[in-house]
Amino acid sequence: MDQHFRDINHDPACHDITFENVQARERTQLLMDLANQAKGLVIGTGDLSELALGWATYNGDHMSMYAVNASVPKTLVRHLVQYCADHPQSFTQGEAGARFTEVLTSILATPVSPELLPPENGEIAQKTEHIVGPYELHDFFLYYMTRWGFDPAKILYLAQLAFAQPTERTQAWSRDEILKWMKVFYRRFFSQQFKRSCLPDGPKVGSVTLSPRSDWRMPSDASVATWMTQIEQLEKNSQV
C-alpha cells in the first residue's frame, strides 16, 4: 500500500476515502493473485446487508470469483455465529469447546467495522452501524421493501410494532429513530445499485437476493425521489 500511495502521489497521512479504498482494493488484488497461484477462487465475504447499502469498496471487497453470502443478511450471520457459540459440541470435541465458544462470543461482541482507519487509543475507529445505521433495522426495511413491495409508510408502521420493546436479539427503536435510518437506507439503496449491477455470481439462500443474475433487476440511475418524498411527509406528520 505504501508503494501504491507513492505511485498515485497520495499522502498516507491523509486518511480520506482514497486512503481507505486503496487498502480494500490492495487486499482484493493480493487475494486474487494468490488464488491464481493456488489454482483456486476468491470467495466473497460481502453479505446481503452490505450489498443493499453499498457498504463495500467498488472493485475491492465488492468483487470476488463467487459471492457466497450474497443473499445472507447481516442479522442472519450474527444468528448463525451465536448458534455455533451456543452449541460447541456440534463443531468441536473435548476442552476445545470452551475456547470455541469464547472466540465466537468475542467476535459477536466486536463492533462491525471495515477497519480501514487506524485505531484510536487502541479502540476501533470505524463502527459501521454508527455510520450507516443498525443492521437490525436495515435488514427489516430490505425484506419488506424487496420481498413484499411495501412502501415506507407501511414499513414504518410494521417497524414500530416490531421494535416497540427490546428483545434478547434487538433493542427498542422510536419512530423518529426508525425514520432517520429509513431515510439513510433508501438513499443508499438507490445510489449504490451500480455496485450490484456487476456482482459476481452467488447463490440464492433465502427469499431475498440482490444479484443481477437471479432475482434483482434495477437500473443504476433509478431515482429515489418518490420514496424520499413519502418519508419526508412521514417526518412532517411526526412533528404535528
Protein backbone atom coordinates (compact mmCIF):
# COMPACT_ATOMS: atom_id res chain seq x y z
CA MET A 1 0.00 0.00 0.00
CA ASP A 2 2.90 2.37 0.72
CA GLN A 3 4.18 1.70 -2.79
CA HIS A 4 0.73 2.38 -4.22
CA PHE A 5 0.44 5.66 -2.30
CA ARG A 6 3.76 6.71 -3.87
CA ASP A 7 2.58 5.62 -7.32
CA ILE A 8 -0.51 7.84 -7.15
CA ASN A 9 1.22 10.61 -5.17
CA HIS A 10 -1.08 10.33 -2.17
CA ASP A 11 -0.01 11.30 1.33
CA PRO A 12 -0.70 8.25 3.56
CA ALA A 13 -1.15 10.63 6.49
CA CYS A 14 -4.30 11.90 4.77
CA HIS A 15 -6.95 9.44 5.98
CA ASP A 16 -9.56 10.21 3.33
CA ILE A 17 -11.66 7.96 1.10
CA THR A 18 -8.62 7.28 -1.12
CA PHE A 19 -6.65 6.07 1.90
CA GLU A 20 -9.47 3.70 2.81
CA ASN A 21 -10.20 2.36 -0.67
CA VAL A 22 -6.54 1.72 -1.51
CA GLN A 23 -6.48 -0.80 1.34
CA ALA A 24 -9.67 -2.55 0.25
CA ARG A 25 -8.50 -2.82 -3.37
CA GLU A 26 -5.00 -3.97 -2.49
CA ARG A 27 -6.46 -6.68 -0.25
CA THR A 28 -8.58 -7.93 -3.13
CA GLN A 29 -5.73 -7.81 -5.65
CA LEU A 30 -3.47 -9.84 -3.36
CA LEU A 31 -6.19 -12.41 -2.69
CA MET A 32 -6.96 -12.82 -6.39
CA ASP A 33 -3.29 -13.18 -7.36
CA LEU A 34 -2.69 -15.70 -4.56
CA ALA A 35 -5.77 -17.59 -5.75
CA ASN A 36 -4.21 -17.77 -9.22
CA GLN A 37 -1.03 -19.21 -7.72
CA ALA A 38 -3.04 -21.80 -5.81
CA LYS A 39 -5.32 -22.53 -8.80
CA GLY A 40 -8.25 -21.51 -6.64
CA LEU A 41 -11.04 -18.95 -6.39
CA VAL A 42 -11.60 -15.96 -4.13
CA ILE A 43 -14.83 -16.44 -2.20
CA GLY A 44 -16.56 -13.14 -1.47
CA THR A 45 -17.29 -12.13 2.12
CA GLY A 46 -19.84 -9.39 1.34
CA ASP A 47 -23.35 -10.16 2.58
CA LEU A 48 -26.85 -9.10 1.56
CA SER A 49 -26.99 -6.18 4.03
CA GLU A 50 -23.73 -4.72 2.73
CA LEU A 51 -24.92 -5.06 -0.86
CA ALA A 52 -28.18 -3.29 -0.03
CA LEU A 53 -26.32 -0.32 1.46
CA GLY A 54 -23.40 -0.38 -0.96
CA TRP A 55 -21.10 -0.77 2.03
CA ALA A 56 -18.19 -2.13 0.01
CA THR A 57 -15.33 -0.64 -1.99
CA TYR A 58 -16.07 -0.83 -5.71
CA ASN A 59 -13.70 -3.41 -7.18
CA GLY A 60 -12.35 -4.01 -3.68
CA ASP A 61 -14.21 -6.25 -1.23
CA HIS A 62 -17.15 -5.74 -3.60
CA MET A 63 -15.50 -8.18 -6.03
CA SER A 64 -14.68 -11.90 -5.92
CA MET A 65 -14.98 -15.00 -8.09
CA TYR A 66 -18.07 -16.19 -6.21
CA ALA A 67 -20.24 -14.19 -3.78
CA VAL A 68 -21.29 -16.97 -1.44
CA ASN A 69 -23.01 -14.66 1.08
CA ALA A 70 -24.85 -12.50 -1.45
CA SER A 71 -28.30 -13.38 -0.11
CA VAL A 72 -27.42 -13.80 3.58
CA PRO A 73 -28.30 -10.71 5.67
CA LYS A 74 -26.05 -9.49 8.48
CA THR A 75 -28.61 -10.35 11.16
CA LEU A 76 -28.65 -13.97 9.96
CA VAL A 77 -24.85 -14.08 10.03
CA ARG A 78 -24.95 -12.98 13.66
CA HIS A 79 -27.64 -15.54 14.46
CA LEU A 80 -25.60 -18.35 12.91
CA VAL A 81 -22.45 -17.36 14.80
CA GLN A 82 -24.46 -17.21 18.05
CA TYR A 83 -25.93 -20.64 17.34
CA CYS A 84 -22.47 -22.10 16.83
CA ALA A 85 -21.24 -20.45 20.05
CA ASP A 86 -24.20 -21.94 21.95
CA HIS A 87 -23.65 -25.46 20.54
CA PRO A 88 -19.88 -26.03 20.55
CA GLN A 89 -20.38 -29.80 20.90
CA SER A 90 -21.63 -29.87 17.30
CA PHE A 91 -18.34 -28.48 15.99
CA THR A 92 -15.57 -29.41 18.44
CA GLN A 93 -14.65 -32.09 20.91
CA GLY A 94 -13.39 -32.06 24.47
CA GLU A 95 -11.80 -28.99 26.01
CA ALA A 96 -11.74 -27.15 22.69
CA GLY A 97 -15.45 -26.40 23.07
CA ALA A 98 -14.97 -23.72 25.72
CA ARG A 99 -12.32 -21.95 23.64
CA PHE A 100 -14.53 -22.26 20.55
CA THR A 101 -17.41 -20.51 22.37
CA GLU A 102 -15.08 -17.88 23.81
CA VAL A 103 -13.75 -16.92 20.38
CA LEU A 104 -17.18 -16.73 18.73
CA THR A 105 -18.61 -14.73 21.65
CA SER A 106 -15.71 -12.29 21.30
CA ILE A 107 -16.45 -11.93 17.59
CA LEU A 108 -20.11 -11.15 18.31
CA ALA A 109 -19.11 -8.54 20.90
CA THR A 110 -16.80 -6.76 18.45
CA PRO A 111 -18.41 -3.83 16.59
CA VAL A 112 -18.83 -4.34 12.84
CA SER A 113 -16.07 -2.38 11.12
CA PRO A 114 -14.26 -2.21 7.75
CA GLU A 115 -11.10 -1.42 9.78
CA LEU A 116 -9.71 0.95 7.16
CA LEU A 117 -8.68 3.69 9.60
CA PRO A 118 -6.02 3.39 12.34
CA PRO A 119 -7.36 2.60 15.85
CA GLU A 120 -7.90 5.48 18.24
CA ASN A 121 -6.42 4.85 21.68
CA GLY A 122 -6.48 1.14 20.98
CA GLU A 123 -10.15 1.18 20.02
CA ILE A 124 -11.79 0.56 16.63
CA ALA A 125 -12.09 3.92 14.89
CA GLN A 126 -14.79 2.96 12.38
CA LYS A 127 -18.00 1.42 13.65
CA THR A 128 -20.19 0.61 10.67
CA GLU A 129 -23.52 0.85 12.47
CA HIS A 130 -22.65 4.31 13.79
CA ILE A 131 -22.16 5.43 10.19
CA VAL A 132 -24.84 3.67 8.13
CA GLY A 133 -27.19 2.63 10.91
CA PRO A 134 -28.25 -0.57 12.70
CA TYR A 135 -28.44 -3.69 10.56
CA GLU A 136 -31.44 -4.97 12.50
CA LEU A 137 -33.42 -2.05 11.06
CA HIS A 138 -31.87 -2.13 7.60
CA ASP A 139 -32.49 -5.86 7.19
CA PHE A 140 -36.09 -5.28 8.28
CA PHE A 141 -36.54 -2.47 5.71
CA LEU A 142 -34.88 -4.54 2.99
CA TYR A 143 -37.07 -7.59 3.49
CA TYR A 144 -40.38 -5.75 3.41
CA MET A 145 -39.35 -3.49 0.54
CA THR A 146 -37.94 -6.14 -1.82
CA ARG A 147 -39.91 -9.25 -0.83
CA TRP A 148 -43.33 -7.66 -0.33
CA GLY A 149 -43.07 -4.34 -2.15
CA PHE A 150 -44.34 -2.32 0.83
CA ASP A 151 -43.95 1.46 0.78
CA PRO A 152 -42.17 3.46 3.53
CA ALA A 153 -45.39 4.22 5.42
CA LYS A 154 -46.32 0.55 5.81
CA ILE A 155 -42.76 -0.48 6.67
CA LEU A 156 -42.62 2.27 9.30
CA TYR A 157 -45.87 1.00 10.83
CA LEU A 158 -44.56 -2.57 10.98
CA ALA A 159 -41.18 -1.47 12.34
CA GLN A 160 -42.84 0.48 15.15
CA LEU A 161 -44.67 -2.68 16.17
CA ALA A 162 -41.64 -4.96 15.80
CA PHE A 163 -39.21 -2.71 17.68
CA ALA A 164 -41.51 -1.25 20.32
CA GLN A 165 -39.86 -3.31 23.06
CA PRO A 166 -36.31 -4.66 23.39
CA THR A 167 -35.79 -8.40 22.93
CA GLU A 168 -32.91 -10.78 23.50
CA ARG A 169 -31.65 -10.01 19.99
CA THR A 170 -32.83 -6.46 19.31
CA GLN A 171 -33.23 -3.13 21.03
CA ALA A 172 -36.21 -0.79 21.03
CA TRP A 173 -36.35 1.99 18.44
CA SER A 174 -38.51 5.11 18.47
CA ARG A 175 -40.49 6.32 15.47
CA ASP A 176 -38.03 9.18 14.88
CA GLU A 177 -35.04 6.84 15.04
CA ILE A 178 -36.66 4.42 12.61
CA LEU A 179 -37.40 7.25 10.18
CA LYS A 180 -33.85 8.59 10.48
CA TRP A 181 -32.30 5.29 9.44
CA MET A 182 -35.04 4.57 6.90
CA LYS A 183 -34.03 7.71 5.06
CA VAL A 184 -30.40 6.53 5.04
CA PHE A 185 -31.49 3.11 3.82
CA TYR A 186 -33.47 4.35 0.82
CA ARG A 187 -30.88 6.92 -0.19
CA ARG A 188 -28.05 4.41 -0.09
CA PHE A 189 -30.09 1.58 -1.62
CA PHE A 190 -30.83 3.58 -4.75
CA SER A 191 -27.48 5.35 -5.11
CA GLN A 192 -25.45 2.13 -4.75
CA GLN A 193 -27.20 0.00 -7.36
CA PHE A 194 -24.22 0.39 -9.72
CA LYS A 195 -22.22 -1.88 -7.41
CA ARG A 196 -24.88 -4.57 -7.54
CA SER A 197 -25.13 -4.39 -11.35
CA CYS A 198 -21.70 -6.01 -11.74
CA LEU A 199 -21.62 -8.55 -8.93
CA PRO A 200 -20.01 -11.95 -9.29
CA ASP A 201 -22.30 -14.96 -9.28
CA GLY A 202 -23.77 -16.09 -5.97
CA PRO A 203 -26.44 -18.47 -4.66
CA LYS A 204 -29.91 -17.50 -3.54
CA VAL A 205 -30.12 -18.80 0.03
CA GLY A 206 -33.27 -17.16 1.39
CA SER A 207 -36.25 -15.32 -0.06
CA VAL A 208 -34.36 -12.11 -0.92
CA THR A 209 -31.39 -11.65 -3.20
CA LEU A 210 -29.90 -8.61 -4.93
CA SER A 211 -27.87 -10.49 -7.50
CA PRO A 212 -28.47 -9.27 -11.08
CA ARG A 213 -28.14 -12.90 -12.17
CA SER A 214 -31.06 -14.18 -10.14
CA ASP A 215 -34.00 -12.05 -8.96
CA TRP A 216 -32.96 -8.41 -8.93
CA ARG A 217 -33.38 -6.09 -11.89
CA MET A 218 -32.86 -2.37 -11.30
CA PRO A 219 -31.33 0.46 -13.38
CA SER A 220 -28.34 2.11 -11.73
CA ASP A 221 -29.78 5.57 -12.41
CA ALA A 222 -33.18 4.89 -10.78
CA SER A 223 -34.47 7.89 -8.81
CA VAL A 224 -35.26 7.66 -5.11
CA ALA A 225 -37.34 10.87 -5.20
CA THR A 226 -40.77 9.20 -4.81
CA TRP A 227 -39.71 7.26 -1.73
CA MET A 228 -37.93 10.22 -0.15
CA THR A 229 -40.99 12.41 -0.64
CA GLN A 230 -43.09 9.92 1.31
CA ILE A 231 -40.51 9.66 4.10
CA GLU A 232 -40.32 13.45 4.39
CA GLN A 233 -44.11 13.56 4.69
CA LEU A 234 -43.94 10.95 7.43
CA GLU A 235 -41.40 13.13 9.22
CA LYS A 236 -43.68 16.15 8.97
CA ASN A 237 -46.58 14.14 10.40
CA SER A 238 -44.48 13.25 13.45
CA GLN A 239 -43.82 16.95 14.08
CA VAL A 240 -47.51 17.93 14.12
